[in-house]
Amino acid sequence: MVNYAALSRLVHDSAYAHGGSISAEHGIGQRKRDMLTDYKSPVELDLMHRIKHALDPLNLLNPGKVLEART
């Protein structure tokens, strides 16, 4: 049986190498959350955090589901 994590990594690496993204119209999802740092630059991650904070300054909406909380 194929290991899901290994297959997922292979698919996402290939998509990324061809200009694709690990997310689609439904967003990143919890399953891929830990992969964000592999495929998004620090600048992109910072922008995501800034947008999240602007829209949800108290971090009430799905805290920690996609972006880890900043201290």
N, C-alpha and C. Protein backbone atom coordinates (compact mmCIF):
# COMPACT_ATOMS: atom_id res chain seq x y z
N MET A 1 0.84 -1.18 0.00
CA MET A 1 0.00 0.00 0.00
C MET A 1 0.89 1.24 0.00
N VAL A 2 0.49 2.22 -0.76
CA VAL A 2 1.25 3.46 -0.88
C VAL A 2 1.04 4.31 0.37
N ASN A 3 2.12 4.86 0.87
CA ASN A 3 2.07 5.75 2.02
C ASN A 3 1.46 7.09 1.59
N TYR A 4 0.37 7.50 2.27
CA TYR A 4 -0.32 8.73 1.89
C TYR A 4 0.61 9.94 1.94
N ALA A 5 1.40 10.05 3.01
CA ALA A 5 2.27 11.22 3.17
C ALA A 5 3.29 11.30 2.04
N ALA A 6 3.87 10.17 1.67
CA ALA A 6 4.87 10.16 0.60
C ALA A 6 4.23 10.49 -0.75
N LEU A 7 3.07 9.94 -1.00
CA LEU A 7 2.37 10.22 -2.26
C LEU A 7 1.94 11.69 -2.32
N SER A 8 1.44 12.20 -1.22
CA SER A 8 1.02 13.60 -1.15
C SER A 8 2.20 14.52 -1.42
N ARG A 9 3.33 14.22 -0.82
CA ARG A 9 4.54 15.04 -1.01
C ARG A 9 4.95 15.01 -2.49
N LEU A 10 4.93 13.85 -3.09
CA LEU A 10 5.30 13.70 -4.50
C LEU A 10 4.39 14.54 -5.40
N VAL A 11 3.10 14.45 -5.17
CA VAL A 11 2.12 15.20 -5.97
C VAL A 11 2.31 16.71 -5.80
N HIS A 12 2.46 17.15 -4.55
CA HIS A 12 2.58 18.58 -4.31
C HIS A 12 3.92 19.14 -4.79
N ASP A 13 4.99 18.37 -4.64
CA ASP A 13 6.28 18.82 -5.17
C ASP A 13 6.21 18.99 -6.68
N SER A 14 5.56 18.05 -7.34
CA SER A 14 5.43 18.12 -8.80
C SER A 14 4.57 19.32 -9.22
N ALA A 15 3.46 19.51 -8.55
CA ALA A 15 2.59 20.65 -8.86
C ALA A 15 3.33 21.97 -8.65
N TYR A 16 4.04 22.07 -7.53
CA TYR A 16 4.78 23.29 -7.21
C TYR A 16 5.88 23.55 -8.25
N ALA A 17 6.57 22.50 -8.67
CA ALA A 17 7.64 22.63 -9.66
C ALA A 17 7.12 23.13 -11.00
N HIS A 18 5.85 22.91 -11.26
CA HIS A 18 5.24 23.36 -12.51
C HIS A 18 4.40 24.63 -12.33
N GLY A 19 4.65 25.36 -11.23
CA GLY A 19 3.98 26.63 -11.01
C GLY A 19 2.64 26.53 -10.32
N GLY A 20 2.30 25.34 -9.84
CA GLY A 20 1.03 25.15 -9.15
C GLY A 20 1.11 25.50 -7.68
N SER A 21 0.05 25.23 -6.98
CA SER A 21 -0.05 25.55 -5.56
C SER A 21 -0.59 24.34 -4.80
N ILE A 22 -0.36 24.31 -3.49
CA ILE A 22 -0.88 23.21 -2.69
C ILE A 22 -2.32 23.46 -2.27
N SER A 23 -2.82 24.64 -2.55
CA SER A 23 -4.20 24.94 -2.19
C SER A 23 -5.01 25.23 -3.44
N ALA A 24 -6.30 25.18 -3.28
CA ALA A 24 -7.19 25.46 -4.41
C ALA A 24 -8.34 26.33 -3.91
N GLU A 25 -9.47 26.24 -4.58
CA GLU A 25 -10.60 27.10 -4.23
C GLU A 25 -11.13 26.86 -2.82
N HIS A 26 -10.80 25.73 -2.23
CA HIS A 26 -11.29 25.44 -0.88
C HIS A 26 -10.28 25.78 0.21
N GLY A 27 -9.16 26.37 -0.15
CA GLY A 27 -8.17 26.76 0.84
C GLY A 27 -7.18 25.65 1.14
N ILE A 28 -6.39 25.87 2.17
CA ILE A 28 -5.30 24.97 2.50
C ILE A 28 -5.75 23.73 3.27
N GLY A 29 -6.63 23.89 4.21
CA GLY A 29 -7.11 22.76 4.99
C GLY A 29 -6.12 22.32 6.06
N GLN A 30 -6.62 21.67 7.08
CA GLN A 30 -5.79 21.24 8.19
C GLN A 30 -4.76 20.19 7.78
N ARG A 31 -5.11 19.35 6.85
CA ARG A 31 -4.21 18.27 6.45
C ARG A 31 -2.92 18.82 5.85
N LYS A 32 -3.00 19.95 5.17
CA LYS A 32 -1.82 20.51 4.50
C LYS A 32 -1.19 21.66 5.29
N ARG A 33 -1.74 21.98 6.44
CA ARG A 33 -1.26 23.13 7.20
C ARG A 33 0.25 23.08 7.46
N ASP A 34 0.75 21.92 7.83
CA ASP A 34 2.17 21.82 8.15
C ASP A 34 3.07 21.92 6.92
N MET A 35 2.47 21.86 5.75
CA MET A 35 3.24 21.96 4.51
C MET A 35 3.39 23.41 4.04
N LEU A 36 2.68 24.33 4.66
CA LEU A 36 2.71 25.73 4.22
C LEU A 36 4.13 26.28 4.17
N THR A 37 4.92 26.00 5.19
CA THR A 37 6.27 26.55 5.23
C THR A 37 7.17 25.96 4.16
N ASP A 38 6.79 24.81 3.60
CA ASP A 38 7.58 24.20 2.53
C ASP A 38 7.31 24.86 1.18
N TYR A 39 6.13 25.44 1.02
CA TYR A 39 5.73 25.94 -0.29
C TYR A 39 5.43 27.44 -0.33
N LYS A 40 5.40 28.09 0.82
CA LYS A 40 5.14 29.53 0.86
C LYS A 40 6.35 30.22 1.47
N SER A 41 6.70 31.37 0.92
CA SER A 41 7.86 32.12 1.41
C SER A 41 7.51 32.79 2.74
N PRO A 42 8.53 33.21 3.49
CA PRO A 42 8.26 33.95 4.72
C PRO A 42 7.42 35.21 4.48
N VAL A 43 7.62 35.86 3.34
CA VAL A 43 6.84 37.05 3.01
C VAL A 43 5.36 36.68 2.82
N GLU A 44 5.10 35.59 2.09
CA GLU A 44 3.72 35.14 1.88
C GLU A 44 3.06 34.74 3.20
N LEU A 45 3.80 34.05 4.05
CA LEU A 45 3.25 33.64 5.35
C LEU A 45 2.96 34.85 6.22
N ASP A 46 3.86 35.84 6.20
CA ASP A 46 3.64 37.05 6.97
C ASP A 46 2.39 37.78 6.48
N LEU A 47 2.20 37.85 5.18
CA LEU A 47 1.01 38.49 4.61
C LEU A 47 -0.25 37.75 5.05
N MET A 48 -0.21 36.43 5.04
CA MET A 48 -1.36 35.64 5.48
C MET A 48 -1.70 35.95 6.94
N HIS A 49 -0.67 36.04 7.79
CA HIS A 49 -0.89 36.37 9.20
C HIS A 49 -1.48 37.78 9.34
N ARG A 50 -0.97 38.73 8.57
CA ARG A 50 -1.46 40.11 8.65
C ARG A 50 -2.92 40.21 8.22
N ILE A 51 -3.28 39.50 7.16
CA ILE A 51 -4.67 39.50 6.70
C ILE A 51 -5.56 38.86 7.76
N LYS A 52 -5.13 37.74 8.30
CA LYS A 52 -5.91 37.05 9.35
C LYS A 52 -6.12 38.00 10.53
N HIS A 53 -5.07 38.68 10.95
CA HIS A 53 -5.18 39.59 12.09
C HIS A 53 -6.09 40.79 11.77
N ALA A 54 -6.03 41.30 10.55
CA ALA A 54 -6.88 42.43 10.17
C ALA A 54 -8.35 42.04 10.19
N LEU A 55 -8.65 40.83 9.76
CA LEU A 55 -10.05 40.38 9.69
C LEU A 55 -10.54 39.78 11.01
N ASP A 56 -9.62 39.30 11.83
CA ASP A 56 -9.97 38.60 13.07
C ASP A 56 -8.96 38.96 14.16
N PRO A 57 -8.96 40.22 14.62
CA PRO A 57 -7.94 40.67 15.57
C PRO A 57 -7.92 39.91 16.90
N LEU A 58 -9.04 39.34 17.28
CA LEU A 58 -9.09 38.59 18.54
C LEU A 58 -8.84 37.10 18.33
N ASN A 59 -8.59 36.69 17.10
CA ASN A 59 -8.31 35.30 16.76
C ASN A 59 -9.40 34.35 17.24
N LEU A 60 -10.64 34.74 17.00
CA LEU A 60 -11.79 33.94 17.43
C LEU A 60 -12.23 32.93 16.37
N LEU A 61 -11.93 33.21 15.11
CA LEU A 61 -12.40 32.37 14.01
C LEU A 61 -11.39 31.27 13.70
N ASN A 62 -11.73 30.06 14.04
CA ASN A 62 -10.87 28.89 13.78
C ASN A 62 -9.42 29.10 14.20
N PRO A 63 -9.18 29.44 15.46
CA PRO A 63 -7.80 29.68 15.90
C PRO A 63 -6.92 28.44 15.72
N GLY A 64 -5.78 28.64 15.09
CA GLY A 64 -4.81 27.56 14.90
C GLY A 64 -5.17 26.53 13.85
N LYS A 65 -6.26 26.72 13.14
CA LYS A 65 -6.67 25.72 12.14
C LYS A 65 -5.80 25.77 10.89
N VAL A 66 -5.43 26.95 10.45
CA VAL A 66 -4.58 27.06 9.26
C VAL A 66 -3.26 27.72 9.62
N LEU A 67 -3.31 28.84 10.30
CA LEU A 67 -2.10 29.54 10.71
C LEU A 67 -1.88 29.35 12.20
N GLU A 68 -0.65 29.01 12.55
CA GLU A 68 -0.33 28.88 13.96
C GLU A 68 -0.36 30.26 14.60
N ALA A 69 -0.78 30.32 15.85
CA ALA A 69 -0.87 31.59 16.56
C ALA A 69 0.52 32.19 16.71
N ARG A 70 0.59 33.48 16.57
CA ARG A 70 1.85 34.21 16.80
C ARG A 70 1.86 34.71 18.22
N THR A 71 3.03 34.67 18.81
CA THR A 71 3.15 35.16 20.19
C THR A 71 3.63 36.58 20.21
